[in-house]
Amino acid sequence: MLKWLVTACLVLASPLAAAEVKVLAFAGSTQDSSLNKKLVREAAKIAGQMGAKVKVIDLRDYEIPFYDADLESSQGMPQSAKRLRQLMKESHAIIIATPEYNGSLSAVLKNAIDWASRSESGQPSRDAFSGKKFAILSASPGGTGGARALGHLRTIIENVGGTVVSTQVSVPNAYQAFNEQGELQDPILKEGLKKEVQELLAK
């Protein structure tokens, strides 16, 4: 009975939640065969099925230089960073899938966040994060599923003003987790991902 009630609540929440919601989705990896690109595409597909307007981007297309205060002072914010920051500002919710490198998130993702947390006048700014909900995910070949990277990413996003949903999906042993179409095979993980996206889109 309890299981039925929980399921019913989730189903009832989703149509209301997604109306007019603009969702930006990306992975913190530039690798073509990235496990986290597969995972973020799965989450984006679910958000689209729930009625959200979803834009999936690849950080490789932005070629953002590493944050450097001297570069910022002399040349201003790079155009690639401006483009990413603007997309984040225009979105109501953001989905990020991060790989785990040496127990933390990737350098390319941390760098993107660092630039997005600056204004074009060279001052700290939270307007790409404040008032927005974030869903964070990770897929990792190891047994922890990127849990340490997710902990760090949650702290960083909350520090710059974003709200991270309580549900977070981590996919361990991720080389075996996806089928040839790039879809998650484990029904428990698929249900968890659906729950996380529902929480992201809920008002």
N, C-alpha and C. Protein backbone atom coordinates (compact mmCIF):
# COMPACT_ATOMS: atom_id res chain seq x y z
N MET A 1 0.83 -1.21 0.00
CA MET A 1 0.00 0.00 0.00
C MET A 1 0.86 1.26 0.00
N LEU A 2 1.89 1.27 0.88
CA LEU A 2 2.78 2.42 0.96
C LEU A 2 3.51 2.63 -0.35
N LYS A 3 3.98 1.53 -0.96
CA LYS A 3 4.68 1.63 -2.24
C LYS A 3 3.77 2.23 -3.30
N TRP A 4 2.48 1.83 -3.30
CA TRP A 4 1.53 2.37 -4.28
C TRP A 4 1.34 3.86 -4.07
N LEU A 5 1.26 4.30 -2.80
CA LEU A 5 1.06 5.71 -2.50
C LEU A 5 2.25 6.55 -2.95
N VAL A 6 3.46 6.05 -2.70
CA VAL A 6 4.66 6.76 -3.12
C VAL A 6 4.68 6.89 -4.63
N THR A 7 4.40 5.79 -5.33
CA THR A 7 4.38 5.81 -6.79
C THR A 7 3.34 6.79 -7.32
N ALA A 8 2.16 6.78 -6.71
CA ALA A 8 1.09 7.67 -7.15
C ALA A 8 1.48 9.12 -6.98
N CYS A 9 2.12 9.44 -5.86
CA CYS A 9 2.55 10.82 -5.62
C CYS A 9 3.56 11.28 -6.65
N LEU A 10 4.49 10.40 -7.03
CA LEU A 10 5.49 10.75 -8.03
C LEU A 10 4.84 11.00 -9.38
N VAL A 11 3.90 10.15 -9.76
CA VAL A 11 3.24 10.30 -11.05
C VAL A 11 2.43 11.57 -11.10
N LEU A 12 1.74 11.89 -10.01
CA LEU A 12 0.92 13.09 -9.97
C LEU A 12 1.77 14.35 -9.99
N ALA A 13 2.98 14.28 -9.42
CA ALA A 13 3.81 15.48 -9.32
C ALA A 13 4.40 15.89 -10.65
N SER A 14 4.71 14.92 -11.51
CA SER A 14 5.51 15.24 -12.68
C SER A 14 4.84 16.15 -13.70
N PRO A 15 3.56 16.02 -14.09
CA PRO A 15 3.01 16.89 -15.10
C PRO A 15 2.96 18.35 -14.66
N LEU A 16 2.67 18.57 -13.38
CA LEU A 16 2.62 19.93 -12.89
C LEU A 16 4.00 20.54 -12.88
N ALA A 17 4.97 19.71 -12.51
CA ALA A 17 6.30 20.23 -12.24
C ALA A 17 6.98 20.77 -13.47
N ALA A 18 6.84 20.12 -14.60
CA ALA A 18 7.70 20.40 -15.74
C ALA A 18 7.22 21.54 -16.62
N ALA A 19 6.00 22.04 -16.40
CA ALA A 19 5.44 23.04 -17.30
C ALA A 19 6.34 24.26 -17.42
N GLU A 20 6.76 24.56 -18.64
CA GLU A 20 7.55 25.75 -18.95
C GLU A 20 8.93 25.77 -18.30
N VAL A 21 9.39 24.66 -17.78
CA VAL A 21 10.70 24.63 -17.14
C VAL A 21 11.79 24.45 -18.20
N LYS A 22 12.76 25.36 -18.20
CA LYS A 22 13.91 25.25 -19.09
C LYS A 22 15.05 24.58 -18.33
N VAL A 23 15.53 23.48 -18.86
CA VAL A 23 16.57 22.70 -18.20
C VAL A 23 17.82 22.67 -19.06
N LEU A 24 18.95 23.01 -18.46
CA LEU A 24 20.25 22.88 -19.11
C LEU A 24 20.92 21.63 -18.55
N ALA A 25 21.52 20.82 -19.42
CA ALA A 25 22.15 19.58 -18.98
C ALA A 25 23.52 19.42 -19.62
N PHE A 26 24.50 19.04 -18.82
CA PHE A 26 25.83 18.78 -19.37
C PHE A 26 26.64 17.90 -18.43
N ALA A 27 27.67 17.28 -18.99
CA ALA A 27 28.58 16.45 -18.21
C ALA A 27 29.88 17.20 -17.99
N GLY A 28 30.53 16.90 -16.89
CA GLY A 28 31.81 17.52 -16.59
C GLY A 28 32.96 16.78 -17.23
N SER A 29 32.79 16.41 -18.47
CA SER A 29 33.80 15.66 -19.22
C SER A 29 33.76 16.09 -20.67
N THR A 30 34.92 16.11 -21.31
CA THR A 30 34.98 16.40 -22.74
C THR A 30 35.28 15.15 -23.56
N GLN A 31 35.37 14.01 -22.92
CA GLN A 31 35.68 12.75 -23.61
C GLN A 31 34.50 12.30 -24.45
N ASP A 32 34.76 11.89 -25.69
CA ASP A 32 33.68 11.46 -26.59
C ASP A 32 32.88 10.30 -26.01
N SER A 33 33.57 9.33 -25.43
CA SER A 33 32.90 8.13 -24.93
C SER A 33 32.57 8.22 -23.44
N SER A 34 32.47 9.43 -22.94
CA SER A 34 32.25 9.66 -21.51
C SER A 34 31.03 8.92 -20.97
N LEU A 35 31.22 8.21 -19.88
CA LEU A 35 30.11 7.56 -19.19
C LEU A 35 29.12 8.59 -18.66
N ASN A 36 29.65 9.74 -18.26
CA ASN A 36 28.78 10.77 -17.70
C ASN A 36 28.00 11.52 -18.77
N LYS A 37 28.49 11.54 -19.99
CA LYS A 37 27.67 12.06 -21.09
C LYS A 37 26.48 11.14 -21.33
N LYS A 38 26.71 9.85 -21.24
CA LYS A 38 25.60 8.90 -21.38
C LYS A 38 24.58 9.12 -20.27
N LEU A 39 25.08 9.28 -19.06
CA LEU A 39 24.18 9.44 -17.91
C LEU A 39 23.38 10.73 -18.00
N VAL A 40 24.03 11.82 -18.38
CA VAL A 40 23.31 13.10 -18.44
C VAL A 40 22.29 13.09 -19.57
N ARG A 41 22.59 12.38 -20.66
CA ARG A 41 21.61 12.27 -21.75
C ARG A 41 20.38 11.48 -21.29
N GLU A 42 20.60 10.45 -20.46
CA GLU A 42 19.48 9.69 -19.91
C GLU A 42 18.59 10.59 -19.04
N ALA A 43 19.23 11.39 -18.19
CA ALA A 43 18.47 12.30 -17.33
C ALA A 43 17.74 13.35 -18.16
N ALA A 44 18.40 13.86 -19.19
CA ALA A 44 17.78 14.87 -20.05
C ALA A 44 16.57 14.29 -20.78
N LYS A 45 16.69 13.04 -21.22
CA LYS A 45 15.58 12.39 -21.91
C LYS A 45 14.37 12.27 -20.99
N ILE A 46 14.62 11.90 -19.74
CA ILE A 46 13.53 11.79 -18.78
C ILE A 46 12.87 13.15 -18.55
N ALA A 47 13.69 14.19 -18.40
CA ALA A 47 13.15 15.54 -18.20
C ALA A 47 12.29 15.96 -19.39
N GLY A 48 12.74 15.64 -20.59
CA GLY A 48 11.96 15.96 -21.78
C GLY A 48 10.63 15.22 -21.82
N GLN A 49 10.66 13.96 -21.40
CA GLN A 49 9.42 13.16 -21.36
C GLN A 49 8.43 13.72 -20.34
N MET A 50 8.95 14.42 -19.35
CA MET A 50 8.09 15.03 -18.34
C MET A 50 7.60 16.42 -18.75
N GLY A 51 8.00 16.86 -19.93
CA GLY A 51 7.49 18.11 -20.45
C GLY A 51 8.42 19.30 -20.37
N ALA A 52 9.60 19.11 -19.81
CA ALA A 52 10.55 20.22 -19.72
C ALA A 52 11.18 20.50 -21.08
N LYS A 53 11.61 21.73 -21.26
CA LYS A 53 12.36 22.12 -22.46
C LYS A 53 13.83 21.97 -22.12
N VAL A 54 14.48 20.98 -22.72
CA VAL A 54 15.83 20.60 -22.31
C VAL A 54 16.85 20.94 -23.39
N LYS A 55 17.97 21.51 -22.95
CA LYS A 55 19.09 21.77 -23.85
C LYS A 55 20.31 21.04 -23.30
N VAL A 56 20.85 20.11 -24.08
CA VAL A 56 22.04 19.37 -23.68
C VAL A 56 23.24 19.96 -24.41
N ILE A 57 24.27 20.31 -23.67
CA ILE A 57 25.47 20.89 -24.27
C ILE A 57 26.69 20.03 -23.92
N ASP A 58 27.77 20.26 -24.67
CA ASP A 58 29.03 19.56 -24.46
C ASP A 58 30.08 20.61 -24.11
N LEU A 59 30.71 20.50 -22.94
CA LEU A 59 31.70 21.49 -22.53
C LEU A 59 32.87 21.57 -23.50
N ARG A 60 33.08 20.53 -24.28
CA ARG A 60 34.15 20.57 -25.28
C ARG A 60 33.91 21.70 -26.28
N ASP A 61 32.67 22.04 -26.54
CA ASP A 61 32.34 23.08 -27.52
C ASP A 61 32.63 24.48 -27.01
N TYR A 62 33.00 24.61 -25.75
CA TYR A 62 33.17 25.94 -25.16
C TYR A 62 34.63 26.35 -24.98
N GLU A 63 35.54 25.41 -24.85
CA GLU A 63 36.98 25.69 -24.81
C GLU A 63 37.29 26.87 -23.88
N ILE A 64 36.85 26.75 -22.65
CA ILE A 64 37.04 27.82 -21.67
C ILE A 64 38.43 27.71 -21.07
N PRO A 65 39.24 28.78 -21.11
CA PRO A 65 40.57 28.72 -20.49
C PRO A 65 40.45 28.59 -18.98
N PHE A 66 41.48 28.06 -18.35
CA PHE A 66 41.44 27.97 -16.90
C PHE A 66 41.36 29.36 -16.29
N TYR A 67 40.55 29.44 -15.23
CA TYR A 67 40.34 30.75 -14.61
C TYR A 67 41.67 31.34 -14.16
N ASP A 68 41.87 32.60 -14.50
CA ASP A 68 43.10 33.32 -14.19
C ASP A 68 42.69 34.77 -13.93
N ALA A 69 42.92 35.25 -12.72
CA ALA A 69 42.51 36.62 -12.37
C ALA A 69 43.22 37.65 -13.24
N ASP A 70 44.48 37.39 -13.62
CA ASP A 70 45.19 38.34 -14.48
C ASP A 70 44.57 38.37 -15.88
N LEU A 71 44.22 37.20 -16.40
CA LEU A 71 43.54 37.13 -17.70
C LEU A 71 42.21 37.87 -17.64
N GLU A 72 41.46 37.64 -16.58
CA GLU A 72 40.17 38.31 -16.42
C GLU A 72 40.35 39.82 -16.35
N SER A 73 41.37 40.27 -15.63
CA SER A 73 41.61 41.70 -15.46
C SER A 73 42.05 42.37 -16.76
N SER A 74 42.87 41.67 -17.54
CA SER A 74 43.42 42.29 -18.76
C SER A 74 42.52 42.12 -19.98
N GLN A 75 41.80 41.00 -20.06
CA GLN A 75 41.02 40.71 -21.27
C GLN A 75 39.52 40.56 -21.02
N GLY A 76 39.13 40.52 -19.76
CA GLY A 76 37.72 40.31 -19.44
C GLY A 76 37.34 38.85 -19.53
N MET A 77 36.07 38.58 -19.38
CA MET A 77 35.58 37.20 -19.43
C MET A 77 35.64 36.68 -20.86
N PRO A 78 36.21 35.50 -21.09
CA PRO A 78 36.24 34.92 -22.44
C PRO A 78 34.83 34.73 -22.99
N GLN A 79 34.70 34.85 -24.31
CA GLN A 79 33.38 34.70 -24.93
C GLN A 79 32.77 33.33 -24.64
N SER A 80 33.61 32.30 -24.60
CA SER A 80 33.09 30.95 -24.34
C SER A 80 32.48 30.87 -22.94
N ALA A 81 33.11 31.52 -21.98
CA ALA A 81 32.57 31.53 -20.62
C ALA A 81 31.29 32.35 -20.55
N LYS A 82 31.24 33.45 -21.31
CA LYS A 82 30.01 34.26 -21.36
C LYS A 82 28.85 33.44 -21.91
N ARG A 83 29.11 32.65 -22.95
CA ARG A 83 28.05 31.84 -23.56
C ARG A 83 27.50 30.83 -22.57
N LEU A 84 28.40 30.14 -21.86
CA LEU A 84 27.96 29.15 -20.88
C LEU A 84 27.20 29.82 -19.75
N ARG A 85 27.73 30.91 -19.27
CA ARG A 85 27.09 31.61 -18.15
C ARG A 85 25.69 32.10 -18.53
N GLN A 86 25.54 32.58 -19.76
CA GLN A 86 24.24 33.06 -20.21
C GLN A 86 23.23 31.92 -20.28
N LEU A 87 23.68 30.76 -20.78
CA LEU A 87 22.79 29.60 -20.82
C LEU A 87 22.34 29.20 -19.42
N MET A 88 23.24 29.26 -18.47
CA MET A 88 22.90 28.93 -17.10
C MET A 88 21.90 29.93 -16.53
N LYS A 89 22.11 31.21 -16.82
CA LYS A 89 21.21 32.25 -16.32
C LYS A 89 19.80 32.08 -16.90
N GLU A 90 19.71 31.66 -18.16
CA GLU A 90 18.41 31.52 -18.82
C GLU A 90 17.66 30.27 -18.39
N SER A 91 18.32 29.35 -17.72
CA SER A 91 17.71 28.08 -17.33
C SER A 91 17.06 28.18 -15.96
N HIS A 92 16.00 27.41 -15.78
CA HIS A 92 15.36 27.32 -14.47
C HIS A 92 16.00 26.23 -13.61
N ALA A 93 16.51 25.21 -14.25
CA ALA A 93 17.09 24.07 -13.54
C ALA A 93 18.25 23.52 -14.37
N ILE A 94 19.20 22.89 -13.70
CA ILE A 94 20.41 22.42 -14.36
C ILE A 94 20.75 21.00 -13.89
N ILE A 95 21.07 20.15 -14.86
CA ILE A 95 21.50 18.78 -14.57
C ILE A 95 22.99 18.66 -14.90
N ILE A 96 23.78 18.19 -13.95
CA ILE A 96 25.22 18.03 -14.17
C ILE A 96 25.62 16.61 -13.78
N ALA A 97 26.31 15.93 -14.68
CA ALA A 97 26.90 14.62 -14.38
C ALA A 97 28.41 14.79 -14.33
N THR A 98 29.01 14.44 -13.22
CA THR A 98 30.45 14.64 -13.07
C THR A 98 31.19 13.32 -12.98
N PRO A 99 32.32 13.21 -13.66
CA PRO A 99 33.21 12.08 -13.39
C PRO A 99 33.92 12.30 -12.07
N GLU A 100 34.55 11.27 -11.56
CA GLU A 100 35.36 11.41 -10.35
C GLU A 100 36.82 11.17 -10.71
N TYR A 101 37.64 12.19 -10.51
CA TYR A 101 39.07 12.09 -10.76
C TYR A 101 39.80 12.31 -9.43
N ASN A 102 40.56 11.32 -9.00
CA ASN A 102 41.34 11.44 -7.76
C ASN A 102 40.49 11.89 -6.59
N GLY A 103 39.28 11.35 -6.51
CA GLY A 103 38.43 11.62 -5.36
C GLY A 103 37.64 12.90 -5.41
N SER A 104 37.62 13.57 -6.58
CA SER A 104 36.87 14.83 -6.66
C SER A 104 36.32 15.00 -8.07
N LEU A 105 35.68 16.15 -8.30
CA LEU A 105 35.12 16.43 -9.62
C LEU A 105 36.23 16.79 -10.60
N SER A 106 35.88 16.82 -11.88
CA SER A 106 36.87 17.09 -12.92
C SER A 106 37.29 18.55 -12.93
N ALA A 107 38.50 18.79 -13.41
CA ALA A 107 39.01 20.16 -13.51
C ALA A 107 38.18 20.99 -14.49
N VAL A 108 37.74 20.38 -15.59
CA VAL A 108 36.98 21.13 -16.59
C VAL A 108 35.65 21.60 -16.01
N LEU A 109 35.03 20.80 -15.15
CA LEU A 109 33.77 21.20 -14.53
C LEU A 109 33.99 22.28 -13.48
N LYS A 110 34.99 22.10 -12.64
CA LYS A 110 35.28 23.11 -11.61
C LYS A 110 35.61 24.44 -12.27
N ASN A 111 36.35 24.40 -13.37
CA ASN A 111 36.70 25.63 -14.07
C ASN A 111 35.47 26.32 -14.65
N ALA A 112 34.56 25.54 -15.22
CA ALA A 112 33.33 26.11 -15.77
C ALA A 112 32.52 26.80 -14.67
N ILE A 113 32.45 26.18 -13.51
CA ILE A 113 31.73 26.79 -12.38
C ILE A 113 32.44 28.05 -11.91
N ASP A 114 33.77 28.01 -11.86
CA ASP A 114 34.52 29.19 -11.42
C ASP A 114 34.24 30.39 -12.32
N TRP A 115 34.25 30.18 -13.63
CA TRP A 115 33.95 31.29 -14.55
C TRP A 115 32.49 31.72 -14.43
N ALA A 116 31.59 30.77 -14.31
CA ALA A 116 30.16 31.10 -14.23
C ALA A 116 29.82 31.87 -12.97
N SER A 117 30.67 31.76 -11.95
CA SER A 117 30.42 32.47 -10.70
C SER A 117 31.05 33.87 -10.69
N ARG A 118 31.48 34.33 -11.86
CA ARG A 118 32.02 35.69 -12.01
C ARG A 118 31.07 36.52 -12.86
N SER A 119 31.11 37.83 -12.68
CA SER A 119 30.34 38.72 -13.54
C SER A 119 31.25 39.24 -14.65
N GLU A 120 30.66 39.83 -15.67
CA GLU A 120 31.47 40.37 -16.76
C GLU A 120 32.28 41.58 -16.32
N SER A 121 31.95 42.14 -15.17
CA SER A 121 32.73 43.26 -14.64
C SER A 121 33.87 42.78 -13.74
N GLY A 122 34.05 41.45 -13.68
CA GLY A 122 35.17 40.90 -12.92
C GLY A 122 34.94 40.77 -11.43
N GLN A 123 33.68 40.70 -11.03
CA GLN A 123 33.34 40.57 -9.62
C GLN A 123 32.61 39.24 -9.38
N PRO A 124 32.65 38.74 -8.15
CA PRO A 124 31.89 37.52 -7.86
C PRO A 124 30.40 37.74 -8.12
N SER A 125 29.74 36.74 -8.66
CA SER A 125 28.32 36.87 -8.98
C SER A 125 27.65 35.51 -8.84
N ARG A 126 26.44 35.51 -8.27
CA ARG A 126 25.71 34.26 -8.07
C ARG A 126 24.52 34.13 -9.01
N ASP A 127 24.35 35.04 -9.96
CA ASP A 127 23.11 35.04 -10.73
C ASP A 127 22.98 33.88 -11.71
N ALA A 128 24.04 33.13 -11.95
CA ALA A 128 23.92 31.91 -12.76
C ALA A 128 23.52 30.71 -11.91
N PHE A 129 23.46 30.90 -10.60
CA PHE A 129 23.17 29.80 -9.67
C PHE A 129 21.99 30.09 -8.74
N SER A 130 21.88 31.32 -8.28
CA SER A 130 20.88 31.67 -7.28
C SER A 130 19.46 31.46 -7.81
N GLY A 131 18.63 30.83 -6.99
CA GLY A 131 17.25 30.58 -7.38
C GLY A 131 17.06 29.40 -8.31
N LYS A 132 18.12 28.69 -8.62
CA LYS A 132 18.04 27.54 -9.54
C LYS A 132 18.22 26.24 -8.78
N LYS A 133 17.56 25.21 -9.28
CA LYS A 133 17.71 23.88 -8.71
C LYS A 133 18.67 23.07 -9.58
N PHE A 134 19.48 22.27 -8.93
CA PHE A 134 20.48 21.45 -9.60
C PHE A 134 20.26 19.98 -9.25
N ALA A 135 20.35 19.14 -10.26
CA ALA A 135 20.41 17.70 -10.06
C ALA A 135 21.82 17.26 -10.41
N ILE A 136 22.47 16.56 -9.50
CA ILE A 136 23.85 16.13 -9.75
C ILE A 136 23.90 14.60 -9.81
N LEU A 137 24.72 14.10 -10.73
CA LEU A 137 24.81 12.67 -11.02
C LEU A 137 26.26 12.31 -11.22
N SER A 138 26.57 11.03 -11.11
CA SER A 138 27.91 10.58 -11.45
C SER A 138 27.90 9.12 -11.87
N ALA A 139 28.71 8.81 -12.86
CA ALA A 139 28.95 7.43 -13.28
C ALA A 139 30.45 7.19 -13.21
N SER A 140 30.83 6.09 -12.61
CA SER A 140 32.25 5.81 -12.41
C SER A 140 32.54 4.33 -12.61
N PRO A 141 33.70 3.99 -13.18
CA PRO A 141 34.06 2.58 -13.32
C PRO A 141 34.26 1.89 -11.97
N GLY A 142 34.53 2.68 -10.92
CA GLY A 142 34.79 2.12 -9.61
C GLY A 142 33.52 1.74 -8.86
N GLY A 143 33.73 1.23 -7.65
CA GLY A 143 32.62 0.73 -6.86
C GLY A 143 31.82 1.77 -6.12
N THR A 144 32.34 3.01 -6.00
CA THR A 144 31.63 4.03 -5.23
C THR A 144 30.73 4.90 -6.11
N GLY A 145 30.82 4.77 -7.42
CA GLY A 145 29.94 5.51 -8.31
C GLY A 145 30.15 7.01 -8.31
N GLY A 146 31.36 7.45 -7.96
CA GLY A 146 31.62 8.89 -7.97
C GLY A 146 31.06 9.63 -6.78
N ALA A 147 30.81 8.94 -5.68
CA ALA A 147 30.17 9.55 -4.52
C ALA A 147 30.99 10.70 -3.94
N ARG A 148 32.30 10.57 -3.95
CA ARG A 148 33.14 11.64 -3.39
C ARG A 148 33.06 12.89 -4.25
N ALA A 149 33.06 12.71 -5.56
CA ALA A 149 32.93 13.85 -6.46
C ALA A 149 31.59 14.55 -6.27
N LEU A 150 30.54 13.77 -6.06
CA LEU A 150 29.22 14.35 -5.85
C LEU A 150 29.17 15.17 -4.57
N GLY A 151 29.83 14.69 -3.53
CA GLY A 151 29.87 15.45 -2.28
C GLY A 151 30.54 16.79 -2.46
N HIS A 152 31.66 16.81 -3.18
CA HIS A 152 32.36 18.06 -3.44
C HIS A 152 31.53 18.98 -4.33
N LEU A 153 30.91 18.42 -5.36
CA LEU A 153 30.11 19.23 -6.28
C LEU A 153 28.92 19.86 -5.56
N ARG A 154 28.27 19.10 -4.70
CA ARG A 154 27.15 19.64 -3.92
C ARG A 154 27.61 20.85 -3.09
N THR A 155 28.73 20.71 -2.41
CA THR A 155 29.24 21.80 -1.58
C THR A 155 29.53 23.04 -2.41
N ILE A 156 30.14 22.87 -3.57
CA ILE A 156 30.51 24.00 -4.42
C ILE A 156 29.27 24.72 -4.93
N ILE A 157 28.30 23.97 -5.44
CA ILE A 157 27.09 24.59 -5.99
C ILE A 157 26.32 25.34 -4.90
N GLU A 158 26.20 24.74 -3.74
CA GLU A 158 25.49 25.41 -2.65
C GLU A 158 26.24 26.65 -2.19
N ASN A 159 27.56 26.61 -2.25
CA ASN A 159 28.36 27.76 -1.84
C ASN A 159 28.16 28.97 -2.75
N VAL A 160 27.85 28.73 -4.03
CA VAL A 160 27.64 29.84 -4.96
C VAL A 160 26.15 30.15 -5.15
N GLY A 161 25.30 29.58 -4.31
CA GLY A 161 23.91 30.00 -4.29
C GLY A 161 22.90 29.07 -4.91
N GLY A 162 23.34 27.94 -5.48
CA GLY A 162 22.40 27.00 -6.08
C GLY A 162 21.76 26.09 -5.03
N THR A 163 20.64 25.49 -5.40
CA THR A 163 19.96 24.53 -4.53
C THR A 163 20.05 23.15 -5.17
N VAL A 164 20.69 22.22 -4.51
CA VAL A 164 20.88 20.87 -5.03
C VAL A 164 19.80 19.97 -4.45
N VAL A 165 19.10 19.24 -5.33
CA VAL A 165 18.03 18.36 -4.84
C VAL A 165 18.63 17.25 -3.98
N SER A 166 17.82 16.73 -3.08
CA SER A 166 18.33 15.75 -2.11
C SER A 166 18.69 14.42 -2.75
N THR A 167 17.92 14.00 -3.75
CA THR A 167 18.21 12.74 -4.44
C THR A 167 19.42 12.92 -5.34
N GLN A 168 20.35 11.98 -5.31
CA GLN A 168 21.45 12.01 -6.26
C GLN A 168 21.78 10.58 -6.69
N VAL A 169 21.93 10.41 -7.98
CA VAL A 169 22.19 9.09 -8.54
C VAL A 169 23.68 8.93 -8.81
N SER A 170 24.24 7.86 -8.30
CA SER A 170 25.62 7.50 -8.62
C SER A 170 25.61 6.09 -9.20
N VAL A 171 26.34 5.93 -10.28
CA VAL A 171 26.34 4.66 -11.01
C VAL A 171 27.72 4.01 -10.87
N PRO A 172 27.86 2.98 -10.04
CA PRO A 172 29.13 2.27 -9.92
C PRO A 172 29.31 1.27 -11.06
N ASN A 173 30.56 0.83 -11.25
CA ASN A 173 30.86 -0.17 -12.27
C ASN A 173 30.21 0.20 -13.60
N ALA A 174 30.41 1.45 -13.98
CA ALA A 174 29.60 2.06 -15.04
C ALA A 174 29.89 1.52 -16.44
N TYR A 175 31.03 0.87 -16.64
CA TYR A 175 31.28 0.29 -17.97
C TYR A 175 30.26 -0.81 -18.29
N GLN A 176 29.72 -1.41 -17.25
CA GLN A 176 28.72 -2.46 -17.45
C GLN A 176 27.28 -1.96 -17.26
N ALA A 177 27.13 -0.67 -16.97
CA ALA A 177 25.82 -0.15 -16.57
C ALA A 177 24.92 0.23 -17.74
N PHE A 178 25.52 0.48 -18.92
CA PHE A 178 24.75 0.97 -20.06
C PHE A 178 24.69 -0.09 -21.17
N ASN A 179 23.59 -0.11 -21.90
CA ASN A 179 23.50 -1.00 -23.05
C ASN A 179 24.10 -0.33 -24.29
N GLU A 180 24.01 -0.97 -25.43
CA GLU A 180 24.62 -0.44 -26.65
C GLU A 180 24.00 0.88 -27.10
N GLN A 181 22.79 1.15 -26.67
CA GLN A 181 22.12 2.40 -27.01
C GLN A 181 22.43 3.51 -25.99
N GLY A 182 23.29 3.22 -25.02
CA GLY A 182 23.65 4.21 -24.02
C GLY A 182 22.62 4.38 -22.93
N GLU A 183 21.75 3.38 -22.75
CA GLU A 183 20.68 3.46 -21.76
C GLU A 183 21.05 2.65 -20.51
N LEU A 184 20.67 3.16 -19.36
CA LEU A 184 20.89 2.41 -18.12
C LEU A 184 20.13 1.09 -18.17
N GLN A 185 20.77 0.03 -17.69
CA GLN A 185 20.13 -1.28 -17.71
C GLN A 185 19.47 -1.66 -16.39
N ASP A 186 19.99 -1.14 -15.29
CA ASP A 186 19.49 -1.51 -13.97
C ASP A 186 18.18 -0.77 -13.68
N PRO A 187 17.08 -1.48 -13.47
CA PRO A 187 15.79 -0.82 -13.23
C PRO A 187 15.78 0.03 -11.96
N ILE A 188 16.59 -0.34 -10.97
CA ILE A 188 16.64 0.44 -9.73
C ILE A 188 17.31 1.78 -9.99
N LEU A 189 18.40 1.77 -10.76
CA LEU A 189 19.07 3.02 -11.11
C LEU A 189 18.17 3.89 -11.99
N LYS A 190 17.46 3.28 -12.91
CA LYS A 190 16.55 4.03 -13.78
C LYS A 190 15.45 4.70 -12.97
N GLU A 191 14.92 3.98 -12.01
CA GLU A 191 13.87 4.56 -11.15
C GLU A 191 14.44 5.68 -10.28
N GLY A 192 15.67 5.49 -9.80
CA GLY A 192 16.31 6.54 -9.01
C GLY A 192 16.54 7.80 -9.82
N LEU A 193 16.94 7.62 -11.08
CA LEU A 193 17.16 8.77 -11.96
C LEU A 193 15.85 9.49 -12.22
N LYS A 194 14.80 8.73 -12.44
CA LYS A 194 13.48 9.34 -12.64
C LYS A 194 13.06 10.13 -11.41
N LYS A 195 13.29 9.57 -10.24
CA LYS A 195 12.93 10.26 -9.00
C LYS A 195 13.72 11.56 -8.85
N GLU A 196 15.01 11.52 -9.19
CA GLU A 196 15.83 12.73 -9.07
C GLU A 196 15.34 13.82 -10.02
N VAL A 197 15.02 13.45 -11.25
CA VAL A 197 14.53 14.44 -12.21
C VAL A 197 13.18 14.99 -11.77
N GLN A 198 12.32 14.14 -11.24
CA GLN A 198 11.03 14.61 -10.73
C GLN A 198 11.21 15.63 -9.62
N GLU A 199 12.17 15.37 -8.74
CA GLU A 199 12.44 16.31 -7.66
C GLU A 199 12.98 17.63 -8.22
N LEU A 200 13.80 17.53 -9.25
CA LEU A 200 14.33 18.74 -9.88
C LEU A 200 13.22 19.60 -10.47
N LEU A 201 12.25 18.97 -11.10
CA LEU A 201 11.21 19.70 -11.81
C LEU A 201 10.03 20.10 -10.93
N ALA A 202 9.93 19.50 -9.75
CA ALA A 202 8.79 19.79 -8.87
C ALA A 202 8.84 21.24 -8.40
N LYS A 203 7.67 21.86 -8.32
CA LYS A 203 7.60 23.25 -7.86
C LYS A 203 7.57 23.29 -6.34
